[in-house]
Amino acid sequence: MSALFNFQSLLLVILLLICTSAYVHSFFPGIMDRNKDGVTGIFWKCARIGERLSPYISICCLLMAGFILMPSRAS
Protein backbone atom coordinates (compact mmCIF):
# COMPACT_ATOMS: atom_id res chain seq x y z
CA MET A 1 0.00 0.00 0.00
CA SER A 2 1.25 3.46 -0.83
CA ALA A 3 2.26 5.90 1.91
CA LEU A 4 -0.33 8.32 0.53
CA PHE A 5 -3.22 6.04 1.41
CA ASN A 6 -2.05 4.87 4.81
CA PHE A 7 -2.13 7.74 7.35
CA GLN A 8 0.50 6.24 9.65
CA SER A 9 2.91 5.75 6.75
CA LEU A 10 2.28 9.30 5.55
CA LEU A 11 3.10 10.68 9.00
CA LEU A 12 6.23 8.53 9.10
CA VAL A 13 7.40 9.85 5.72
CA ILE A 14 6.79 13.46 6.81
CA LEU A 15 8.67 12.96 10.09
CA LEU A 16 11.58 11.32 8.30
CA LEU A 17 11.68 14.16 5.78
CA ILE A 18 11.75 16.78 8.56
CA CYS A 19 14.41 14.96 10.59
CA THR A 20 16.61 14.22 7.57
CA SER A 21 16.39 17.79 6.28
CA ALA A 22 17.32 19.24 9.68
CA TYR A 23 20.25 16.81 9.96
CA VAL A 24 21.58 17.62 6.49
CA HIS A 25 21.13 21.35 7.12
CA SER A 26 23.37 21.10 10.18
CA PHE A 27 26.23 19.80 7.98
CA PHE A 28 25.60 21.76 4.77
CA PRO A 29 23.77 24.99 5.66
CA GLY A 30 25.05 26.89 2.62
CA ILE A 31 23.62 24.45 0.11
CA MET A 32 20.17 24.39 1.67
CA ASP A 33 20.03 28.14 2.31
CA ARG A 34 20.80 28.81 -1.36
CA ASN A 35 17.87 26.68 -2.50
CA LYS A 36 14.93 28.32 -0.73
CA ASP A 37 12.74 28.53 -3.83
CA GLY A 38 11.26 25.87 -6.05
CA VAL A 39 11.03 22.17 -5.37
CA THR A 40 14.21 22.11 -3.28
CA GLY A 41 12.65 24.76 -1.04
CA ILE A 42 10.57 21.98 0.51
CA PHE A 43 13.72 20.59 2.12
CA TRP A 44 14.69 24.04 3.43
CA LYS A 45 11.21 24.49 4.94
CA CYS A 46 11.35 21.05 6.53
CA ALA A 47 14.77 21.87 7.97
CA ARG A 48 13.36 25.07 9.51
CA ILE A 49 10.47 23.13 11.02
CA GLY A 50 12.88 20.54 12.41
CA GLU A 51 15.15 23.20 13.93
CA ARG A 52 12.49 25.41 15.46
CA LEU A 53 10.13 22.69 16.67
CA SER A 54 12.75 20.09 17.58
CA PRO A 55 11.29 19.16 21.01
CA TYR A 56 7.88 18.53 19.47
CA ILE A 57 9.34 16.69 16.49
CA SER A 58 11.38 14.44 18.77
CA ILE A 59 8.28 13.65 20.85
CA CYS A 60 6.41 12.80 17.65
CA CYS A 61 9.29 10.55 16.56
CA LEU A 62 9.21 8.72 19.88
CA LEU A 63 5.44 8.29 19.67
CA MET A 64 5.69 7.02 16.11
CA ALA A 65 8.40 4.55 17.13
CA GLY A 66 6.14 3.33 19.93
CA PHE A 67 3.23 2.84 17.55
CA ILE A 68 5.43 0.96 15.08
CA LEU A 69 7.06 -1.29 17.69
CA MET A 70 3.87 -2.13 19.57
CA PRO A 71 1.84 -4.76 17.78
CA SER A 72 -1.74 -3.79 17.13
CA ARG A 73 -4.34 -5.87 18.90
CA ALA A 74 -6.97 -5.40 16.21
CA SER A 75 -7.21 -8.29 13.80
PDB file of N, CA and C in Angstrom:
ATOM      1  N   MET A   1       0.840  -1.173   0.000  1.00  0.00           N
ATOM      2  CA  MET A   1       0.000   0.000   0.000  1.00  0.00           C
ATOM      3  C   MET A   1       0.895   1.251   0.000  1.00  0.00           C
ATOM      4  N   SER A   2       0.485   2.225  -0.711  1.00  0.00           N
ATOM      5  CA  SER A   2       1.252   3.456  -0.829  1.00  0.00           C
ATOM      6  C   SER A   2       1.188   4.262   0.459  1.00  0.00           C
ATOM      7  N   ALA A   3       2.229   5.057   0.710  1.00  0.00           N
ATOM      8  CA  ALA A   3       2.262   5.898   1.910  1.00  0.00           C
ATOM      9  C   ALA A   3       1.213   6.994   1.843  1.00  0.00           C
ATOM     10  N   LEU A   4       0.698   7.275   0.660  1.00  0.00           N
ATOM     11  CA  LEU A   4      -0.326   8.318   0.532  1.00  0.00           C
ATOM     12  C   LEU A   4      -1.683   7.851   1.040  1.00  0.00           C
ATOM     13  N   PHE A   5      -1.918   6.558   1.018  1.00  0.00           N
ATOM     14  CA  PHE A   5      -3.218   6.038   1.413  1.00  0.00           C
ATOM     15  C   PHE A   5      -3.259   5.517   2.836  1.00  0.00           C
ATOM     16  N   ASN A   6      -2.127   5.328   3.440  1.00  0.00           N
ATOM     17  CA  ASN A   6      -2.047   4.871   4.812  1.00  0.00           C
ATOM     18  C   ASN A   6      -1.577   6.049   5.672  1.00  0.00           C
ATOM     19  N   PHE A   7      -2.416   6.519   6.589  1.00  0.00           N
ATOM     20  CA  PHE A   7      -2.128   7.736   7.347  1.00  0.00           C
ATOM     21  C   PHE A   7      -0.869   7.595   8.198  1.00  0.00           C
ATOM     22  N   GLN A   8      -0.676   6.447   8.821  1.00  0.00           N
ATOM     23  CA  GLN A   8       0.505   6.239   9.654  1.00  0.00           C
ATOM     24  C   GLN A   8       1.775   6.285   8.806  1.00  0.00           C
ATOM     25  N   SER A   9       1.739   5.706   7.629  1.00  0.00           N
ATOM     26  CA  SER A   9       2.909   5.748   6.749  1.00  0.00           C
ATOM     27  C   SER A   9       3.170   7.155   6.242  1.00  0.00           C
ATOM     28  N   LEU A  10       2.118   7.914   5.982  1.00  0.00           N
ATOM     29  CA  LEU A  10       2.282   9.297   5.553  1.00  0.00           C
ATOM     30  C   LEU A  10       2.925  10.139   6.648  1.00  0.00           C
ATOM     31  N   LEU A  11       2.481   9.962   7.881  1.00  0.00           N
ATOM     32  CA  LEU A  11       3.101  10.679   8.996  1.00  0.00           C
ATOM     33  C   LEU A  11       4.562  10.274   9.171  1.00  0.00           C
ATOM     34  N   LEU A  12       4.858   9.009   8.984  1.00  0.00           N
ATOM     35  CA  LEU A  12       6.232   8.532   9.099  1.00  0.00           C
ATOM     36  C   LEU A  12       7.122   9.169   8.030  1.00  0.00           C
ATOM     37  N   VAL A  13       6.631   9.250   6.807  1.00  0.00           N
ATOM     38  CA  VAL A  13       7.403   9.850   5.716  1.00  0.00           C
ATOM     39  C   VAL A  13       7.644  11.330   5.998  1.00  0.00           C
ATOM     40  N   ILE A  14       6.643  12.036   6.502  1.00  0.00           N
ATOM     41  CA  ILE A  14       6.791  13.460   6.813  1.00  0.00           C
ATOM     42  C   ILE A  14       7.796  13.661   7.948  1.00  0.00           C
ATOM     43  N   LEU A  15       7.703  12.844   8.995  1.00  0.00           N
ATOM     44  CA  LEU A  15       8.669  12.955  10.094  1.00  0.00           C
ATOM     45  C   LEU A  15      10.090  12.651   9.640  1.00  0.00           C
ATOM     46  N   LEU A  16      10.246  11.639   8.815  1.00  0.00           N
ATOM     47  CA  LEU A  16      11.583  11.318   8.302  1.00  0.00           C
ATOM     48  C   LEU A  16      12.121  12.430   7.411  1.00  0.00           C
ATOM     49  N   LEU A  17      11.254  13.057   6.630  1.00  0.00           N
ATOM     50  CA  LEU A  17      11.677  14.164   5.784  1.00  0.00           C
ATOM     51  C   LEU A  17      12.132  15.354   6.625  1.00  0.00           C
ATOM     52  N   ILE A  18      11.388  15.669   7.674  1.00  0.00           N
ATOM     53  CA  ILE A  18      11.748  16.782   8.557  1.00  0.00           C
ATOM     54  C   ILE A  18      13.062  16.491   9.279  1.00  0.00           C
ATOM     55  N   CYS A  19      13.193  15.304   9.836  1.00  0.00           N
ATOM     56  CA  CYS A  19      14.405  14.962  10.589  1.00  0.00           C
ATOM     57  C   CYS A  19      15.638  14.898   9.680  1.00  0.00           C
ATOM     58  N   THR A  20      15.497  14.321   8.501  1.00  0.00           N
ATOM     59  CA  THR A  20      16.615  14.223   7.575  1.00  0.00           C
ATOM     60  C   THR A  20      17.034  15.599   7.069  1.00  0.00           C
ATOM     61  N   SER A  21      16.067  16.454   6.770  1.00  0.00           N
ATOM     62  CA  SER A  21      16.388  17.795   6.284  1.00  0.00           C
ATOM     63  C   SER A  21      17.099  18.608   7.354  1.00  0.00           C
ATOM     64  N   ALA A  22      16.657  18.515   8.600  1.00  0.00           N
ATOM     65  CA  ALA A  22      17.321  19.244   9.682  1.00  0.00           C
ATOM     66  C   ALA A  22      18.731  18.711   9.908  1.00  0.00           C
ATOM     67  N   TYR A  23      18.928  17.404   9.781  1.00  0.00           N
ATOM     68  CA  TYR A  23      20.246  16.807   9.961  1.00  0.00           C
ATOM     69  C   TYR A  23      21.204  17.243   8.850  1.00  0.00           C
ATOM     70  N   VAL A  24      20.738  17.213   7.618  1.00  0.00           N
ATOM     71  CA  VAL A  24      21.576  17.620   6.487  1.00  0.00           C
ATOM     72  C   VAL A  24      21.882  19.109   6.565  1.00  0.00           C
ATOM     73  N   HIS A  25      20.913  19.903   7.008  1.00  0.00           N
ATOM     74  CA  HIS A  25      21.127  21.347   7.120  1.00  0.00           C
ATOM     75  C   HIS A  25      22.195  21.679   8.166  1.00  0.00           C
ATOM     76  N   SER A  26      22.335  20.851   9.174  1.00  0.00           N
ATOM     77  CA  SER A  26      23.366  21.105  10.179  1.00  0.00           C
ATOM     78  C   SER A  26      24.774  20.906   9.607  1.00  0.00           C
ATOM     79  N   PHE A  27      24.924  20.038   8.593  1.00  0.00           N
ATOM     80  CA  PHE A  27      26.227  19.798   7.984  1.00  0.00           C
ATOM     81  C   PHE A  27      26.490  20.690   6.774  1.00  0.00           C
ATOM     82  N   PHE A  28      25.455  20.973   5.997  1.00  0.00           N
ATOM     83  CA  PHE A  28      25.602  21.757   4.768  1.00  0.00           C
ATOM     84  C   PHE A  28      24.607  22.918   4.746  1.00  0.00           C
ATOM     85  N   PRO A  29      24.770  23.904   5.622  1.00  0.00           N
ATOM     86  CA  PRO A  29      23.773  24.995   5.661  1.00  0.00           C
ATOM     87  C   PRO A  29      23.799  25.863   4.406  1.00  0.00           C
ATOM     88  N   GLY A  30      24.955  26.036   3.798  1.00  0.00           N
ATOM     89  CA  GLY A  30      25.046  26.892   2.618  1.00  0.00           C
ATOM     90  C   GLY A  30      24.266  26.358   1.436  1.00  0.00           C
ATOM     91  N   ILE A  31      24.311  25.063   1.241  1.00  0.00           N
ATOM     92  CA  ILE A  31      23.616  24.450   0.108  1.00  0.00           C
ATOM     93  C   ILE A  31      22.105  24.587   0.279  1.00  0.00           C
ATOM     94  N   MET A  32      21.622  24.334   1.468  1.00  0.00           N
ATOM     95  CA  MET A  32      20.174  24.391   1.671  1.00  0.00           C
ATOM     96  C   MET A  32      19.668  25.832   1.729  1.00  0.00           C
ATOM     97  N   ASP A  33      20.472  26.752   2.246  1.00  0.00           N
ATOM     98  CA  ASP A  33      20.031  28.143   2.309  1.00  0.00           C
ATOM     99  C   ASP A  33      20.008  28.794   0.934  1.00  0.00           C
ATOM    100  N   ARG A  34      20.819  28.293   0.007  1.00  0.00           N
ATOM    101  CA  ARG A  34      20.802  28.811  -1.358  1.00  0.00           C
ATOM    102  C   ARG A  34      19.546  28.398  -2.106  1.00  0.00           C
ATOM    103  N   ASN A  35      19.002  27.243  -1.771  1.00  0.00           N
ATOM    104  CA  ASN A  35      17.869  26.678  -2.504  1.00  0.00           C
ATOM    105  C   ASN A  35      16.570  26.834  -1.723  1.00  0.00           C
ATOM    106  N   LYS A  36      16.162  28.078  -1.486  1.00  0.00           N
ATOM    107  CA  LYS A  36      14.935  28.318  -0.731  1.00  0.00           C
ATOM    108  C   LYS A  36      13.692  28.317  -1.614  1.00  0.00           C
ATOM    109  N   ASP A  37      13.872  28.453  -2.900  1.00  0.00           N
ATOM    110  CA  ASP A  37      12.741  28.528  -3.828  1.00  0.00           C
ATOM    111  C   ASP A  37      12.645  27.249  -4.649  1.00  0.00           C
ATOM    112  N   GLY A  38      11.472  27.016  -5.176  1.00  0.00           N
ATOM    113  CA  GLY A  38      11.263  25.865  -6.048  1.00  0.00           C
ATOM    114  C   GLY A  38      11.028  24.583  -5.272  1.00  0.00           C
ATOM    115  N   VAL A  39      11.268  23.496  -5.961  1.00  0.00           N
ATOM    116  CA  VAL A  39      11.026  22.174  -5.373  1.00  0.00           C
ATOM    117  C   VAL A  39      11.989  21.908  -4.218  1.00  0.00           C
ATOM    118  N   THR A  40      13.232  22.341  -4.350  1.00  0.00           N
ATOM    119  CA  THR A  40      14.205  22.107  -3.283  1.00  0.00           C
ATOM    120  C   THR A  40      13.921  22.962  -2.054  1.00  0.00           C
ATOM    121  N   GLY A  41      13.053  23.954  -2.182  1.00  0.00           N
ATOM    122  CA  GLY A  41      12.653  24.763  -1.036  1.00  0.00           C
ATOM    123  C   GLY A  41      11.873  23.967  -0.006  1.00  0.00           C
ATOM    124  N   ILE A  42      11.294  22.855  -0.427  1.00  0.00           N
ATOM    125  CA  ILE A  42      10.573  21.983   0.508  1.00  0.00           C
ATOM    126  C   ILE A  42      11.527  21.458   1.574  1.00  0.00           C
ATOM    127  N   PHE A  43      12.746  21.109   1.165  1.00  0.00           N
ATOM    128  CA  PHE A  43      13.724  20.593   2.118  1.00  0.00           C
ATOM    129  C   PHE A  43      14.171  21.690   3.079  1.00  0.00           C
ATOM    130  N   TRP A  44      14.311  22.925   2.572  1.00  0.00           N
ATOM    131  CA  TRP A  44      14.689  24.043   3.428  1.00  0.00           C
ATOM    132  C   TRP A  44      13.590  24.325   4.459  1.00  0.00           C
ATOM    133  N   LYS A  45      12.333  24.266   4.024  1.00  0.00           N
ATOM    134  CA  LYS A  45      11.215  24.490   4.941  1.00  0.00           C
ATOM    135  C   LYS A  45      11.132  23.385   5.982  1.00  0.00           C
ATOM    136  N   CYS A  46      11.357  22.162   5.567  1.00  0.00           N
ATOM    137  CA  CYS A  46      11.349  21.048   6.525  1.00  0.00           C
ATOM    138  C   CYS A  46      12.498  21.176   7.518  1.00  0.00           C
ATOM    139  N   ALA A  47      13.642  21.664   7.064  1.00  0.00           N
ATOM    140  CA  ALA A  47      14.774  21.872   7.971  1.00  0.00           C
ATOM    141  C   ALA A  47      14.445  22.948   8.992  1.00  0.00           C
ATOM    142  N   ARG A  48      13.768  24.012   8.574  1.00  0.00           N
ATOM    143  CA  ARG A  48      13.360  25.067   9.514  1.00  0.00           C
ATOM    144  C   ARG A  48      12.371  24.530  10.539  1.00  0.00           C
ATOM    145  N   ILE A  49      11.429  23.725  10.088  1.00  0.00           N
ATOM    146  CA  ILE A  49      10.467  23.131  11.021  1.00  0.00           C
ATOM    147  C   ILE A  49      11.193  22.240  12.018  1.00  0.00           C
ATOM    148  N   GLY A  50      12.133  21.446  11.540  1.00  0.00           N
ATOM    149  CA  GLY A  50      12.883  20.543  12.412  1.00  0.00           C
ATOM    150  C   GLY A  50      13.751  21.276  13.413  1.00  0.00           C
ATOM    151  N   GLU A  51      14.304  22.432  13.006  1.00  0.00           N
ATOM    152  CA  GLU A  51      15.155  23.197  13.925  1.00  0.00           C
ATOM    153  C   GLU A  51      14.334  23.940  14.965  1.00  0.00           C
ATOM    154  N   ARG A  52      13.264  24.546  14.553  1.00  0.00           N
ATOM    155  CA  ARG A  52      12.490  25.405  15.461  1.00  0.00           C
ATOM    156  C   ARG A  52      11.539  24.621  16.353  1.00  0.00           C
ATOM    157  N   LEU A  53      11.068  23.503  15.888  1.00  0.00           N
ATOM    158  CA  LEU A  53      10.132  22.694  16.672  1.00  0.00           C
ATOM    159  C   LEU A  53      10.758  21.367  17.097  1.00  0.00           C
ATOM    160  N   SER A  54      12.061  21.356  17.320  1.00  0.00           N
ATOM    161  CA  SER A  54      12.750  20.090  17.577  1.00  0.00           C
ATOM    162  C   SER A  54      12.234  19.327  18.795  1.00  0.00           C
ATOM    163  N   PRO A  55      11.833  19.975  19.911  1.00  0.00           N
ATOM    164  CA  PRO A  55      11.295  19.162  21.008  1.00  0.00           C
ATOM    165  C   PRO A  55       9.993  18.451  20.622  1.00  0.00           C
ATOM    166  N   TYR A  56       9.145  19.136  19.876  1.00  0.00           N
ATOM    167  CA  TYR A  56       7.880  18.527  19.469  1.00  0.00           C
ATOM    168  C   TYR A  56       8.096  17.450  18.410  1.00  0.00           C
ATOM    169  N   ILE A  57       9.034  17.687  17.516  1.00  0.00           N
ATOM    170  CA  ILE A  57       9.341  16.694  16.487  1.00  0.00           C
ATOM    171  C   ILE A  57       9.930  15.442  17.126  1.00  0.00           C
ATOM    172  N   SER A  58      10.794  15.616  18.122  1.00  0.00           N
ATOM    173  CA  SER A  58      11.381  14.438  18.772  1.00  0.00           C
ATOM    174  C   SER A  58      10.328  13.654  19.552  1.00  0.00           C
ATOM    175  N   ILE A  59       9.384  14.347  20.162  1.00  0.00           N
ATOM    176  CA  ILE A  59       8.284  13.647  20.850  1.00  0.00           C
ATOM    177  C   ILE A  59       7.449  12.875  19.839  1.00  0.00           C
ATOM    178  N   CYS A  60       7.170  13.491  18.693  1.00  0.00           N
ATOM    179  CA  CYS A  60       6.407  12.803  17.647  1.00  0.00           C
ATOM    180  C   CYS A  60       7.166  11.584  17.124  1.00  0.00           C
ATOM    181  N   CYS A  61       8.489  11.693  16.999  1.00  0.00           N
ATOM    182  CA  CYS A  61       9.290  10.547  16.556  1.00  0.00           C
ATOM    183  C   CYS A  61       9.237   9.408  17.567  1.00  0.00           C
ATOM    184  N   LEU A  62       9.307   9.756  18.843  1.00  0.00           N
ATOM    185  CA  LEU A  62       9.214   8.721  19.877  1.00  0.00           C
ATOM    186  C   LEU A  62       7.840   8.058  19.884  1.00  0.00           C
ATOM    187  N   LEU A  63       6.791   8.851  19.733  1.00  0.00           N
ATOM    188  CA  LEU A  63       5.442   8.289  19.673  1.00  0.00           C
ATOM    189  C   LEU A  63       5.276   7.391  18.452  1.00  0.00           C
ATOM    190  N   MET A  64       5.794   7.821  17.323  1.00  0.00           N
ATOM    191  CA  MET A  64       5.689   7.017  16.108  1.00  0.00           C
ATOM    192  C   MET A  64       6.468   5.714  16.265  1.00  0.00           C
ATOM    193  N   ALA A  65       7.635   5.778  16.891  1.00  0.00           N
ATOM    194  CA  ALA A  65       8.401   4.550  17.131  1.00  0.00           C
ATOM    195  C   ALA A  65       7.629   3.605  18.041  1.00  0.00           C
ATOM    196  N   GLY A  66       6.957   4.157  19.048  1.00  0.00           N
ATOM    197  CA  GLY A  66       6.143   3.325  19.926  1.00  0.00           C
ATOM    198  C   GLY A  66       5.004   2.656  19.190  1.00  0.00           C
ATOM    199  N   PHE A  67       4.345   3.419  18.310  1.00  0.00           N
ATOM    200  CA  PHE A  67       3.232   2.838  17.546  1.00  0.00           C
ATOM    201  C   PHE A  67       3.719   1.765  16.580  1.00  0.00           C
ATOM    202  N   ILE A  68       4.908   1.949  16.032  1.00  0.00           N
ATOM    203  CA  ILE A  68       5.428   0.960  15.077  1.00  0.00           C
ATOM    204  C   ILE A  68       5.884  -0.307  15.809  1.00  0.00           C
ATOM    205  N   LEU A  69       6.525  -0.132  16.973  1.00  0.00           N
ATOM    206  CA  LEU A  69       7.062  -1.289  17.693  1.00  0.00           C
ATOM    207  C   LEU A  69       5.998  -2.081  18.444  1.00  0.00           C
ATOM    208  N   MET A  70       4.939  -1.431  18.864  1.00  0.00           N
ATOM    209  CA  MET A  70       3.872  -2.126  19.574  1.00  0.00           C
ATOM    210  C   MET A  70       2.947  -2.796  18.565  1.00  0.00           C
ATOM    211  N   PRO A  71       2.748  -4.087  18.718  1.00  0.00           N
ATOM    212  CA  PRO A  71       1.839  -4.756  17.778  1.00  0.00           C
ATOM    213  C   PRO A  71       0.386  -4.332  18.034  1.00  0.00           C
ATOM    214  N   SER A  72      -0.332  -4.172  16.975  1.00  0.00           N
ATOM    215  CA  SER A  72      -1.744  -3.790  17.131  1.00  0.00           C
ATOM    216  C   SER A  72      -2.550  -5.012  17.554  1.00  0.00           C
ATOM    217  N   ARG A  73      -3.510  -4.778  18.382  1.00  0.00           N
ATOM    218  CA  ARG A  73      -4.340  -5.875  18.901  1.00  0.00           C
ATOM    219  C   ARG A  73      -5.538  -6.137  18.004  1.00  0.00           C
ATOM    220  N   ALA A  74      -5.822  -5.197  17.121  1.00  0.00           N
ATOM    221  CA  ALA A  74      -6.967  -5.400  16.210  1.00  0.00           C
ATOM    222  C   ALA A  74      -6.597  -6.412  15.139  1.00  0.00           C
ATOM    223  N   SER A  75      -7.514  -7.274  14.821  1.00  0.00           N
ATOM    224  CA  SER A  75      -7.211  -8.286  13.796  1.00  0.00           C
ATOM    225  C   SER A  75      -8.108  -8.146  12.605  1.00  0.00           C
TER     226      SER A  75
END
